Amino acid sequence: MGLFKSREERRIERDIEVRKGVNALRRNIRELAKHEASYIQKAKRARKIGDRDQYEFLKRQLKKTAAQRRLRERQLLSIETAIQIKDQAESDADFARSMGAVAKAVSEVYGSVDFAKTQKNFEKAMMQAETLQQQMEIFLEMTQEHVMAGEVEGENEIVSDAEIDRMLEEEVVHEEDGPVDREIEKGLKDIQDELDRDR
């Protein structure tokens, strides 16, 4: 590829980078959701065996993971919105270029003395479109920096302790006296019956 890239080549490269960022965000959201489910299962086991320390530790991990997932979802929404704005700006620039070409053709046909003014207006429109494009690039870079940031700030404000307790409580209540417990009780009874018969 040459040293100087065309506007279209730069646009394609930017689109590829944006798509990679969006896909990475979506992948991260799915992974965090899996971690949440895993922490819930482990916390339920810790509660059943009465290990309070493990239970509290797993609650903290669940809270942190839920906060990270919600933050990633917000970032994804921001970048998807930014992509829409970028696409609209590019459409506006295409329209401006087309209108400039039409104005130039008309001026050439009629030998209009206003061609200089049309050209000036067209160049102004192009500068505005370029400025908007640069602002969009800066915005997308800032959003990507937030996506790659390590720590989640304000996670206590995103997910409360009460929400985590409610999530775990619903899961534990759902499984109490469930089919697994009944199977264990039946197995124990079968063993006891067999022992009684052997006596």
N, C-alpha and C. Protein backbone atom coordinates (compact mmCIF):
# COMPACT_ATOMS: atom_id res chain seq x y z
N MET A 1 0.84 -1.18 0.00
CA MET A 1 0.00 0.00 0.00
C MET A 1 0.89 1.24 0.00
N GLY A 2 0.48 2.27 -0.73
CA GLY A 2 1.29 3.48 -0.87
C GLY A 2 1.39 4.26 0.43
N LEU A 3 2.32 5.21 0.41
CA LEU A 3 2.55 6.03 1.59
C LEU A 3 1.35 6.92 1.88
N PHE A 4 0.76 7.47 0.82
CA PHE A 4 -0.38 8.37 0.98
C PHE A 4 -1.66 7.61 0.65
N LYS A 5 -2.55 7.54 1.63
CA LYS A 5 -3.79 6.80 1.43
C LYS A 5 -4.89 7.75 1.00
N SER A 6 -5.78 7.24 0.18
CA SER A 6 -6.91 8.05 -0.26
C SER A 6 -7.90 8.22 0.89
N ARG A 7 -8.80 9.16 0.75
CA ARG A 7 -9.84 9.39 1.75
C ARG A 7 -10.66 8.12 1.96
N GLU A 8 -10.96 7.41 0.87
CA GLU A 8 -11.78 6.20 0.97
C GLU A 8 -11.03 5.09 1.71
N GLU A 9 -9.72 4.96 1.45
CA GLU A 9 -8.93 3.95 2.15
C GLU A 9 -8.87 4.23 3.65
N ARG A 10 -8.70 5.52 4.00
CA ARG A 10 -8.68 5.87 5.42
C ARG A 10 -10.04 5.59 6.07
N ARG A 11 -11.12 5.89 5.34
CA ARG A 11 -12.47 5.64 5.86
C ARG A 11 -12.68 4.14 6.11
N ILE A 12 -12.24 3.31 5.18
CA ILE A 12 -12.40 1.86 5.32
C ILE A 12 -11.61 1.35 6.52
N GLU A 13 -10.38 1.85 6.68
CA GLU A 13 -9.56 1.42 7.82
C GLU A 13 -10.21 1.83 9.14
N ARG A 14 -10.77 3.04 9.17
CA ARG A 14 -11.46 3.48 10.40
C ARG A 14 -12.66 2.59 10.69
N ASP A 15 -13.42 2.26 9.65
CA ASP A 15 -14.61 1.41 9.84
C ASP A 15 -14.21 0.04 10.38
N ILE A 16 -13.11 -0.50 9.88
CA ILE A 16 -12.64 -1.81 10.35
C ILE A 16 -12.26 -1.73 11.83
N GLU A 17 -11.54 -0.67 12.22
CA GLU A 17 -11.15 -0.50 13.63
C GLU A 17 -12.38 -0.37 14.53
N VAL A 18 -13.36 0.40 14.06
CA VAL A 18 -14.58 0.58 14.86
C VAL A 18 -15.30 -0.76 15.02
N ARG A 19 -15.40 -1.52 13.92
CA ARG A 19 -16.07 -2.82 13.97
C ARG A 19 -15.36 -3.76 14.94
N LYS A 20 -14.02 -3.73 14.92
CA LYS A 20 -13.26 -4.57 15.86
C LYS A 20 -13.58 -4.17 17.31
N GLY A 21 -13.63 -2.86 17.56
CA GLY A 21 -13.94 -2.40 18.91
C GLY A 21 -15.32 -2.82 19.36
N VAL A 22 -16.30 -2.72 18.47
CA VAL A 22 -17.69 -3.12 18.80
C VAL A 22 -17.74 -4.61 19.10
N ASN A 23 -17.09 -5.41 18.26
CA ASN A 23 -17.10 -6.87 18.46
C ASN A 23 -16.42 -7.24 19.78
N ALA A 24 -15.32 -6.56 20.10
CA ALA A 24 -14.62 -6.83 21.36
C ALA A 24 -15.52 -6.50 22.55
N LEU A 25 -16.25 -5.39 22.46
CA LEU A 25 -17.18 -5.01 23.54
C LEU A 25 -18.26 -6.06 23.71
N ARG A 26 -18.86 -6.49 22.61
CA ARG A 26 -19.94 -7.49 22.69
C ARG A 26 -19.42 -8.80 23.29
N ARG A 27 -18.20 -9.20 22.88
CA ARG A 27 -17.60 -10.41 23.42
C ARG A 27 -17.39 -10.28 24.92
N ASN A 28 -16.90 -9.12 25.36
CA ASN A 28 -16.64 -8.88 26.77
C ASN A 28 -17.93 -8.91 27.58
N ILE A 29 -19.01 -8.36 27.04
CA ILE A 29 -20.31 -8.37 27.72
C ILE A 29 -20.79 -9.81 27.92
N ARG A 30 -20.63 -10.64 26.87
CA ARG A 30 -21.04 -12.05 26.99
C ARG A 30 -20.21 -12.77 28.06
N GLU A 31 -18.90 -12.52 28.08
CA GLU A 31 -18.04 -13.17 29.06
C GLU A 31 -18.40 -12.74 30.48
N LEU A 32 -18.68 -11.45 30.67
CA LEU A 32 -19.05 -10.96 32.00
C LEU A 32 -20.37 -11.58 32.46
N ALA A 33 -21.31 -11.75 31.54
CA ALA A 33 -22.58 -12.38 31.89
C ALA A 33 -22.36 -13.83 32.35
N LYS A 34 -21.42 -14.53 31.68
CA LYS A 34 -21.10 -15.90 32.10
C LYS A 34 -20.48 -15.91 33.50
N HIS A 35 -19.57 -14.94 33.75
CA HIS A 35 -18.95 -14.86 35.07
C HIS A 35 -20.02 -14.61 36.15
N GLU A 36 -20.97 -13.73 35.84
CA GLU A 36 -22.05 -13.45 36.81
C GLU A 36 -22.78 -14.74 37.17
N ALA A 37 -23.16 -15.50 36.14
CA ALA A 37 -23.89 -16.75 36.39
C ALA A 37 -23.05 -17.71 37.23
N SER A 38 -21.75 -17.77 36.95
CA SER A 38 -20.86 -18.66 37.70
C SER A 38 -20.74 -18.22 39.16
N TYR A 39 -20.61 -16.91 39.40
CA TYR A 39 -20.52 -16.42 40.78
C TYR A 39 -21.82 -16.70 41.55
N ILE A 40 -22.94 -16.57 40.88
CA ILE A 40 -24.23 -16.86 41.53
C ILE A 40 -24.27 -18.32 41.97
N GLN A 41 -23.87 -19.23 41.07
CA GLN A 41 -23.89 -20.66 41.41
C GLN A 41 -22.95 -20.97 42.58
N LYS A 42 -21.76 -20.37 42.56
CA LYS A 42 -20.80 -20.61 43.64
C LYS A 42 -21.31 -20.03 44.97
N ALA A 43 -21.92 -18.84 44.91
CA ALA A 43 -22.45 -18.22 46.13
C ALA A 43 -23.57 -19.08 46.72
N LYS A 44 -24.39 -19.67 45.85
CA LYS A 44 -25.45 -20.55 46.33
C LYS A 44 -24.86 -21.76 47.05
N ARG A 45 -23.79 -22.31 46.47
CA ARG A 45 -23.15 -23.47 47.12
C ARG A 45 -22.55 -23.07 48.46
N ALA A 46 -21.89 -21.90 48.50
CA ALA A 46 -21.29 -21.44 49.76
C ALA A 46 -22.35 -21.23 50.82
N ARG A 47 -23.49 -20.70 50.41
CA ARG A 47 -24.58 -20.48 51.37
C ARG A 47 -25.14 -21.80 51.88
N LYS A 48 -25.25 -22.76 50.98
CA LYS A 48 -25.81 -24.06 51.40
C LYS A 48 -24.90 -24.78 52.38
N ILE A 49 -23.58 -24.62 52.19
CA ILE A 49 -22.67 -25.31 53.12
C ILE A 49 -22.34 -24.45 54.33
N GLY A 50 -22.90 -23.23 54.38
CA GLY A 50 -22.74 -22.37 55.54
C GLY A 50 -21.39 -21.65 55.62
N ASP A 51 -20.70 -21.50 54.47
CA ASP A 51 -19.41 -20.80 54.46
C ASP A 51 -19.66 -19.31 54.22
N ARG A 52 -19.80 -18.57 55.31
CA ARG A 52 -20.17 -17.15 55.24
C ARG A 52 -19.08 -16.30 54.57
N ASP A 53 -17.81 -16.59 54.87
CA ASP A 53 -16.71 -15.81 54.28
C ASP A 53 -16.69 -15.94 52.76
N GLN A 54 -16.80 -17.19 52.29
CA GLN A 54 -16.82 -17.41 50.83
C GLN A 54 -18.05 -16.72 50.21
N TYR A 55 -19.16 -16.84 50.90
CA TYR A 55 -20.40 -16.23 50.40
C TYR A 55 -20.23 -14.73 50.22
N GLU A 56 -19.67 -14.05 51.22
CA GLU A 56 -19.47 -12.60 51.15
C GLU A 56 -18.46 -12.23 50.06
N PHE A 57 -17.40 -13.04 49.94
CA PHE A 57 -16.40 -12.80 48.90
C PHE A 57 -17.04 -12.92 47.52
N LEU A 58 -17.83 -13.96 47.30
CA LEU A 58 -18.48 -14.17 46.00
C LEU A 58 -19.50 -13.08 45.70
N LYS A 59 -20.16 -12.58 46.73
CA LYS A 59 -21.08 -11.45 46.54
C LYS A 59 -20.34 -10.23 46.02
N ARG A 60 -19.15 -9.97 46.59
CA ARG A 60 -18.35 -8.82 46.13
C ARG A 60 -17.92 -9.00 44.67
N GLN A 61 -17.51 -10.21 44.34
CA GLN A 61 -17.09 -10.46 42.95
C GLN A 61 -18.27 -10.33 41.99
N LEU A 62 -19.43 -10.81 42.41
CA LEU A 62 -20.64 -10.69 41.59
C LEU A 62 -21.00 -9.23 41.37
N LYS A 63 -20.89 -8.45 42.44
CA LYS A 63 -21.22 -7.02 42.34
C LYS A 63 -20.27 -6.32 41.36
N LYS A 64 -18.99 -6.60 41.48
CA LYS A 64 -18.01 -5.97 40.60
C LYS A 64 -18.24 -6.38 39.14
N THR A 65 -18.51 -7.65 38.92
CA THR A 65 -18.73 -8.15 37.56
C THR A 65 -20.00 -7.56 36.96
N ALA A 66 -21.06 -7.48 37.74
CA ALA A 66 -22.31 -6.90 37.25
C ALA A 66 -22.11 -5.43 36.89
N ALA A 67 -21.34 -4.72 37.70
CA ALA A 67 -21.05 -3.31 37.42
C ALA A 67 -20.25 -3.16 36.13
N GLN A 68 -19.27 -4.04 35.92
CA GLN A 68 -18.47 -3.98 34.70
C GLN A 68 -19.33 -4.26 33.47
N ARG A 69 -20.22 -5.26 33.59
CA ARG A 69 -21.08 -5.59 32.44
C ARG A 69 -21.98 -4.41 32.08
N ARG A 70 -22.55 -3.77 33.10
CA ARG A 70 -23.42 -2.63 32.81
C ARG A 70 -22.65 -1.47 32.19
N LEU A 71 -21.42 -1.27 32.65
CA LEU A 71 -20.58 -0.22 32.07
C LEU A 71 -20.27 -0.53 30.61
N ARG A 72 -19.92 -1.80 30.32
CA ARG A 72 -19.63 -2.18 28.93
C ARG A 72 -20.87 -1.99 28.05
N GLU A 73 -22.05 -2.29 28.59
CA GLU A 73 -23.28 -2.11 27.81
C GLU A 73 -23.50 -0.63 27.48
N ARG A 74 -23.18 0.25 28.45
CA ARG A 74 -23.29 1.69 28.19
C ARG A 74 -22.28 2.13 27.13
N GLN A 75 -21.06 1.58 27.23
CA GLN A 75 -20.04 1.94 26.24
C GLN A 75 -20.45 1.47 24.85
N LEU A 76 -21.02 0.27 24.76
CA LEU A 76 -21.48 -0.25 23.48
C LEU A 76 -22.56 0.66 22.89
N LEU A 77 -23.49 1.08 23.74
CA LEU A 77 -24.54 1.99 23.28
C LEU A 77 -23.94 3.30 22.76
N SER A 78 -22.94 3.82 23.45
CA SER A 78 -22.29 5.07 23.03
C SER A 78 -21.61 4.91 21.68
N ILE A 79 -20.88 3.81 21.50
CA ILE A 79 -20.16 3.65 20.25
C ILE A 79 -21.12 3.38 19.09
N GLU A 80 -22.21 2.65 19.35
CA GLU A 80 -23.20 2.42 18.29
C GLU A 80 -23.85 3.74 17.86
N THR A 81 -24.12 4.61 18.84
CA THR A 81 -24.68 5.92 18.53
C THR A 81 -23.67 6.76 17.74
N ALA A 82 -22.40 6.70 18.14
CA ALA A 82 -21.35 7.45 17.44
C ALA A 82 -21.22 6.99 15.99
N ILE A 83 -21.36 5.68 15.76
CA ILE A 83 -21.28 5.15 14.40
C ILE A 83 -22.41 5.72 13.55
N GLN A 84 -23.60 5.79 14.13
CA GLN A 84 -24.73 6.37 13.39
C GLN A 84 -24.46 7.83 13.01
N ILE A 85 -23.92 8.59 13.97
CA ILE A 85 -23.62 10.00 13.71
C ILE A 85 -22.57 10.11 12.60
N LYS A 86 -21.55 9.25 12.66
CA LYS A 86 -20.51 9.25 11.63
C LYS A 86 -21.09 8.95 10.25
N ASP A 87 -21.96 7.93 10.19
CA ASP A 87 -22.58 7.57 8.91
C ASP A 87 -23.41 8.73 8.35
N GLN A 88 -24.13 9.41 9.23
CA GLN A 88 -24.93 10.55 8.78
C GLN A 88 -24.03 11.68 8.27
N ALA A 89 -22.92 11.91 8.97
CA ALA A 89 -21.99 12.96 8.55
C ALA A 89 -21.39 12.63 7.19
N GLU A 90 -21.06 11.36 6.97
CA GLU A 90 -20.52 10.96 5.67
C GLU A 90 -21.55 11.13 4.57
N SER A 91 -22.82 10.82 4.88
CA SER A 91 -23.88 11.03 3.90
C SER A 91 -24.02 12.50 3.55
N ASP A 92 -23.94 13.35 4.58
CA ASP A 92 -24.02 14.80 4.34
C ASP A 92 -22.85 15.26 3.47
N ALA A 93 -21.67 14.71 3.72
CA ALA A 93 -20.49 15.09 2.93
C ALA A 93 -20.67 14.64 1.48
N ASP A 94 -21.20 13.42 1.28
CA ASP A 94 -21.45 12.93 -0.08
C ASP A 94 -22.44 13.85 -0.80
N PHE A 95 -23.48 14.25 -0.06
CA PHE A 95 -24.48 15.16 -0.65
C PHE A 95 -23.83 16.48 -1.05
N ALA A 96 -22.99 17.02 -0.14
CA ALA A 96 -22.33 18.29 -0.43
C ALA A 96 -21.43 18.18 -1.65
N ARG A 97 -20.71 17.06 -1.76
CA ARG A 97 -19.84 16.86 -2.92
C ARG A 97 -20.66 16.77 -4.20
N SER A 98 -21.77 16.05 -4.13
CA SER A 98 -22.64 15.93 -5.32
C SER A 98 -23.19 17.29 -5.73
N MET A 99 -23.64 18.06 -4.75
CA MET A 99 -24.18 19.39 -5.05
C MET A 99 -23.10 20.28 -5.64
N GLY A 100 -21.88 20.15 -5.11
CA GLY A 100 -20.77 20.93 -5.66
C GLY A 100 -20.50 20.57 -7.12
N ALA A 101 -20.57 19.26 -7.42
CA ALA A 101 -20.35 18.82 -8.79
C ALA A 101 -21.44 19.34 -9.71
N VAL A 102 -22.69 19.29 -9.22
CA VAL A 102 -23.81 19.81 -10.03
C VAL A 102 -23.63 21.30 -10.26
N ALA A 103 -23.29 22.03 -9.20
CA ALA A 103 -23.10 23.48 -9.32
C ALA A 103 -21.99 23.79 -10.32
N LYS A 104 -20.93 23.01 -10.28
CA LYS A 104 -19.82 23.22 -11.21
C LYS A 104 -20.27 22.97 -12.65
N ALA A 105 -21.05 21.89 -12.86
CA ALA A 105 -21.52 21.57 -14.21
C ALA A 105 -22.42 22.68 -14.74
N VAL A 106 -23.34 23.16 -13.87
CA VAL A 106 -24.25 24.23 -14.30
C VAL A 106 -23.46 25.50 -14.63
N SER A 107 -22.48 25.80 -13.79
CA SER A 107 -21.67 27.00 -14.02
C SER A 107 -20.92 26.92 -15.33
N GLU A 108 -20.40 25.70 -15.62
CA GLU A 108 -19.67 25.54 -16.87
C GLU A 108 -20.59 25.68 -18.07
N VAL A 109 -21.80 25.15 -17.96
CA VAL A 109 -22.74 25.23 -19.08
C VAL A 109 -23.14 26.68 -19.35
N TYR A 110 -23.46 27.41 -18.32
CA TYR A 110 -23.96 28.77 -18.50
C TYR A 110 -22.87 29.84 -18.35
N GLY A 111 -21.66 29.41 -18.04
CA GLY A 111 -20.59 30.39 -17.87
C GLY A 111 -20.90 31.37 -16.77
N SER A 112 -21.46 30.84 -15.67
CA SER A 112 -21.90 31.69 -14.58
C SER A 112 -20.74 32.44 -13.95
N VAL A 113 -20.97 33.69 -13.65
CA VAL A 113 -19.95 34.50 -12.99
C VAL A 113 -19.92 34.20 -11.49
N ASP A 114 -20.92 33.42 -11.00
CA ASP A 114 -20.97 33.08 -9.58
C ASP A 114 -20.21 31.79 -9.26
N PHE A 115 -19.47 31.29 -10.22
CA PHE A 115 -18.76 30.03 -9.98
C PHE A 115 -17.78 30.15 -8.82
N ALA A 116 -17.10 31.27 -8.72
CA ALA A 116 -16.14 31.46 -7.63
C ALA A 116 -16.84 31.38 -6.28
N LYS A 117 -18.03 31.97 -6.19
CA LYS A 117 -18.80 31.93 -4.94
C LYS A 117 -19.24 30.49 -4.63
N THR A 118 -19.69 29.77 -5.68
CA THR A 118 -20.10 28.37 -5.50
C THR A 118 -18.92 27.54 -5.01
N GLN A 119 -17.76 27.76 -5.63
CA GLN A 119 -16.56 27.02 -5.23
C GLN A 119 -16.19 27.32 -3.78
N LYS A 120 -16.30 28.59 -3.42
CA LYS A 120 -15.99 29.00 -2.05
C LYS A 120 -16.93 28.32 -1.05
N ASN A 121 -18.23 28.32 -1.38
CA ASN A 121 -19.21 27.67 -0.51
C ASN A 121 -18.96 26.16 -0.40
N PHE A 122 -18.59 25.59 -1.54
CA PHE A 122 -18.31 24.15 -1.56
C PHE A 122 -17.10 23.83 -0.68
N GLU A 123 -16.04 24.61 -0.80
CA GLU A 123 -14.85 24.38 0.02
C GLU A 123 -15.16 24.56 1.50
N LYS A 124 -16.00 25.53 1.82
CA LYS A 124 -16.41 25.74 3.22
C LYS A 124 -17.16 24.51 3.74
N ALA A 125 -18.07 24.00 2.89
CA ALA A 125 -18.83 22.81 3.29
C ALA A 125 -17.91 21.63 3.51
N MET A 126 -16.90 21.49 2.64
CA MET A 126 -15.95 20.38 2.78
C MET A 126 -15.13 20.52 4.08
N MET A 127 -14.73 21.73 4.40
CA MET A 127 -13.98 21.96 5.64
C MET A 127 -14.82 21.60 6.86
N GLN A 128 -16.10 21.98 6.82
CA GLN A 128 -16.99 21.65 7.94
C GLN A 128 -17.16 20.13 8.07
N ALA A 129 -17.31 19.46 6.93
CA ALA A 129 -17.46 18.00 6.96
C ALA A 129 -16.20 17.34 7.50
N GLU A 130 -15.03 17.86 7.10
CA GLU A 130 -13.76 17.31 7.57
C GLU A 130 -13.60 17.53 9.07
N THR A 131 -14.00 18.72 9.55
CA THR A 131 -13.92 19.02 10.98
C THR A 131 -14.81 18.06 11.77
N LEU A 132 -16.02 17.84 11.26
CA LEU A 132 -16.94 16.92 11.94
C LEU A 132 -16.36 15.51 11.97
N GLN A 133 -15.72 15.14 10.87
CA GLN A 133 -15.12 13.80 10.80
C GLN A 133 -13.99 13.67 11.82
N GLN A 134 -13.16 14.71 11.95
CA GLN A 134 -12.07 14.68 12.93
C GLN A 134 -12.62 14.60 14.36
N GLN A 135 -13.68 15.36 14.62
CA GLN A 135 -14.29 15.31 15.95
C GLN A 135 -14.83 13.91 16.24
N MET A 136 -15.38 13.27 15.20
CA MET A 136 -15.92 11.91 15.37
C MET A 136 -14.79 10.93 15.68
N GLU A 137 -13.64 11.10 15.02
CA GLU A 137 -12.49 10.23 15.28
C GLU A 137 -12.03 10.37 16.73
N ILE A 138 -11.94 11.62 17.20
CA ILE A 138 -11.53 11.86 18.59
C ILE A 138 -12.52 11.22 19.56
N PHE A 139 -13.80 11.36 19.27
CA PHE A 139 -14.83 10.78 20.12
C PHE A 139 -14.70 9.26 20.18
N LEU A 140 -14.50 8.64 19.02
CA LEU A 140 -14.38 7.19 18.97
C LEU A 140 -13.12 6.72 19.71
N GLU A 141 -12.02 7.47 19.57
CA GLU A 141 -10.80 7.12 20.29
C GLU A 141 -11.01 7.20 21.81
N MET A 142 -11.71 8.26 22.25
CA MET A 142 -11.98 8.40 23.69
C MET A 142 -12.84 7.26 24.19
N THR A 143 -13.84 6.87 23.38
CA THR A 143 -14.72 5.77 23.78
C THR A 143 -13.93 4.47 23.87
N GLN A 144 -13.01 4.25 22.92
CA GLN A 144 -12.20 3.04 22.95
C GLN A 144 -11.29 3.02 24.17
N GLU A 145 -10.76 4.20 24.56
CA GLU A 145 -9.92 4.27 25.76
C GLU A 145 -10.71 3.86 26.99
N HIS A 146 -11.96 4.29 27.05
CA HIS A 146 -12.80 3.90 28.20
C HIS A 146 -13.05 2.40 28.19
N VAL A 147 -13.21 1.82 26.99
CA VAL A 147 -13.46 0.38 26.90
C VAL A 147 -12.27 -0.40 27.42
N MET A 148 -11.07 0.11 27.14
CA MET A 148 -9.86 -0.61 27.53
C MET A 148 -9.44 -0.32 28.98
N ALA A 149 -10.13 0.63 29.63
CA ALA A 149 -9.75 1.00 31.01
C ALA A 149 -9.93 -0.21 31.92
N GLY A 150 -9.07 -0.33 32.92
CA GLY A 150 -9.09 -1.51 33.79
C GLY A 150 -10.15 -1.46 34.87
N GLU A 151 -10.05 -0.47 35.76
CA GLU A 151 -10.91 -0.44 36.94
C GLU A 151 -12.26 0.18 36.60
N VAL A 152 -13.29 -0.29 37.26
CA VAL A 152 -14.62 0.28 37.11
C VAL A 152 -14.83 1.27 38.25
N GLU A 153 -15.01 2.54 37.89
CA GLU A 153 -15.21 3.55 38.92
C GLU A 153 -16.69 3.63 39.27
N GLY A 154 -16.95 3.85 40.54
CA GLY A 154 -18.33 4.04 41.00
C GLY A 154 -19.18 2.81 40.89
N GLU A 155 -18.56 1.61 41.02
CA GLU A 155 -19.37 0.40 40.87
C GLU A 155 -20.42 0.28 41.96
N ASN A 156 -20.16 0.92 43.12
CA ASN A 156 -21.15 0.88 44.18
C ASN A 156 -22.42 1.62 43.77
N GLU A 157 -22.28 2.64 42.89
CA GLU A 157 -23.45 3.38 42.46
C GLU A 157 -24.19 2.65 41.35
N ILE A 158 -23.48 1.81 40.58
CA ILE A 158 -24.10 1.11 39.45
C ILE A 158 -24.93 -0.07 39.94
N VAL A 159 -24.36 -0.87 40.84
CA VAL A 159 -25.06 -2.05 41.37
C VAL A 159 -25.02 -2.00 42.89
N SER A 160 -26.17 -1.98 43.51
CA SER A 160 -26.22 -1.88 44.97
C SER A 160 -26.12 -3.26 45.62
N ASP A 161 -25.76 -3.25 46.91
CA ASP A 161 -25.70 -4.50 47.67
C ASP A 161 -27.07 -5.17 47.71
N ALA A 162 -28.10 -4.35 47.80
CA ALA A 162 -29.47 -4.90 47.85
C ALA A 162 -29.79 -5.67 46.57
N GLU A 163 -29.34 -5.15 45.40
CA GLU A 163 -29.58 -5.86 44.14
C GLU A 163 -28.88 -7.22 44.13
N ILE A 164 -27.64 -7.25 44.62
CA ILE A 164 -26.88 -8.50 44.64
C ILE A 164 -27.55 -9.50 45.57
N ASP A 165 -27.97 -9.03 46.78
CA ASP A 165 -28.67 -9.92 47.72
C ASP A 165 -29.93 -10.48 47.09
N ARG A 166 -30.67 -9.62 46.38
CA ARG A 166 -31.92 -10.07 45.75
C ARG A 166 -31.65 -11.11 44.66
N MET A 167 -30.61 -10.89 43.85
CA MET A 167 -30.26 -11.86 42.80
C MET A 167 -29.95 -13.23 43.41
N LEU A 168 -29.13 -13.22 44.48
CA LEU A 168 -28.74 -14.48 45.10
C LEU A 168 -29.92 -15.15 45.81
N GLU A 169 -30.73 -14.33 46.49
CA GLU A 169 -31.88 -14.87 47.23
C GLU A 169 -32.85 -15.57 46.27
N GLU A 170 -33.11 -14.94 45.12
CA GLU A 170 -34.03 -15.54 44.14
C GLU A 170 -33.50 -16.89 43.66
N GLU A 171 -32.19 -16.95 43.42
CA GLU A 171 -31.60 -18.21 42.95
C GLU A 171 -31.67 -19.29 44.01
N VAL A 172 -31.34 -18.93 45.26
CA VAL A 172 -31.32 -19.93 46.34
C VAL A 172 -32.73 -20.43 46.63
N VAL A 173 -33.70 -19.52 46.73
CA VAL A 173 -35.09 -19.91 47.00
C VAL A 173 -35.61 -20.81 45.90
N HIS A 174 -35.21 -20.48 44.65
CA HIS A 174 -35.66 -21.28 43.51
C HIS A 174 -35.19 -22.72 43.61
N GLU A 175 -33.98 -22.92 44.16
CA GLU A 175 -33.43 -24.26 44.18
C GLU A 175 -33.72 -25.02 45.47
N GLU A 176 -34.16 -24.32 46.54
CA GLU A 176 -34.44 -25.01 47.80
C GLU A 176 -35.59 -26.00 47.59
N ASP A 177 -35.43 -27.14 48.16
CA ASP A 177 -36.42 -28.23 48.03
C ASP A 177 -36.66 -28.58 46.58
N GLY A 178 -35.65 -28.42 45.76
CA GLY A 178 -35.78 -28.73 44.34
C GLY A 178 -35.61 -30.21 44.08
N PRO A 179 -35.63 -30.61 42.80
CA PRO A 179 -35.54 -32.03 42.43
C PRO A 179 -34.24 -32.69 42.90
N VAL A 180 -33.14 -31.94 42.97
CA VAL A 180 -31.87 -32.53 43.41
C VAL A 180 -31.97 -32.99 44.86
N ASP A 181 -32.57 -32.13 45.74
CA ASP A 181 -32.73 -32.50 47.16
C ASP A 181 -33.60 -33.75 47.30
N ARG A 182 -34.67 -33.80 46.51
CA ARG A 182 -35.56 -34.97 46.58
C ARG A 182 -34.83 -36.24 46.14
N GLU A 183 -33.98 -36.13 45.12
CA GLU A 183 -33.21 -37.29 44.65
C GLU A 183 -32.25 -37.77 45.75
N ILE A 184 -31.61 -36.83 46.42
CA ILE A 184 -30.68 -37.19 47.50
C ILE A 184 -31.42 -37.91 48.61
N GLU A 185 -32.59 -37.36 49.00
CA GLU A 185 -33.38 -37.99 50.06
C GLU A 185 -33.80 -39.40 49.67
N LYS A 186 -34.21 -39.58 48.40
CA LYS A 186 -34.64 -40.90 47.93
C LYS A 186 -33.47 -41.87 47.97
N GLY A 187 -32.27 -41.39 47.53
CA GLY A 187 -31.08 -42.23 47.55
C GLY A 187 -30.73 -42.67 48.95
N LEU A 188 -30.80 -41.74 49.91
CA LEU A 188 -30.52 -42.07 51.31
C LEU A 188 -31.52 -43.10 51.85
N LYS A 189 -32.78 -42.92 51.48
CA LYS A 189 -33.81 -43.85 51.94
C LYS A 189 -33.59 -45.25 51.36
N ASP A 190 -33.20 -45.30 50.06
CA ASP A 190 -32.92 -46.61 49.45
C ASP A 190 -31.77 -47.31 50.17
N ILE A 191 -30.72 -46.55 50.50
CA ILE A 191 -29.58 -47.13 51.21
C ILE A 191 -30.01 -47.67 52.58
N GLN A 192 -30.84 -46.87 53.29
CA GLN A 192 -31.30 -47.27 54.62
C GLN A 192 -32.14 -48.54 54.52
N ASP A 193 -33.03 -48.61 53.50
CA ASP A 193 -33.87 -49.81 53.31
C ASP A 193 -33.01 -51.04 53.06
N GLU A 194 -31.96 -50.87 52.26
CA GLU A 194 -31.09 -51.99 51.95
C GLU A 194 -30.34 -52.47 53.20
N LEU A 195 -29.90 -51.51 54.02
CA LEU A 195 -29.22 -51.86 55.28
C LEU A 195 -30.16 -52.60 56.21
N ASP A 196 -31.43 -52.13 56.28
CA ASP A 196 -32.41 -52.80 57.13
C ASP A 196 -32.65 -54.24 56.69
N ARG A 197 -32.66 -54.45 55.37
CA ARG A 197 -32.89 -55.81 54.87
C ARG A 197 -31.72 -56.74 55.19
N ASP A 198 -30.50 -56.18 55.19
CA ASP A 198 -29.32 -57.00 55.46
C ASP A 198 -29.22 -57.44 56.93
N ARG A 199 -29.93 -56.78 57.83
CA ARG A 199 -29.82 -57.09 59.28
C ARG A 199 -30.46 -58.41 59.62
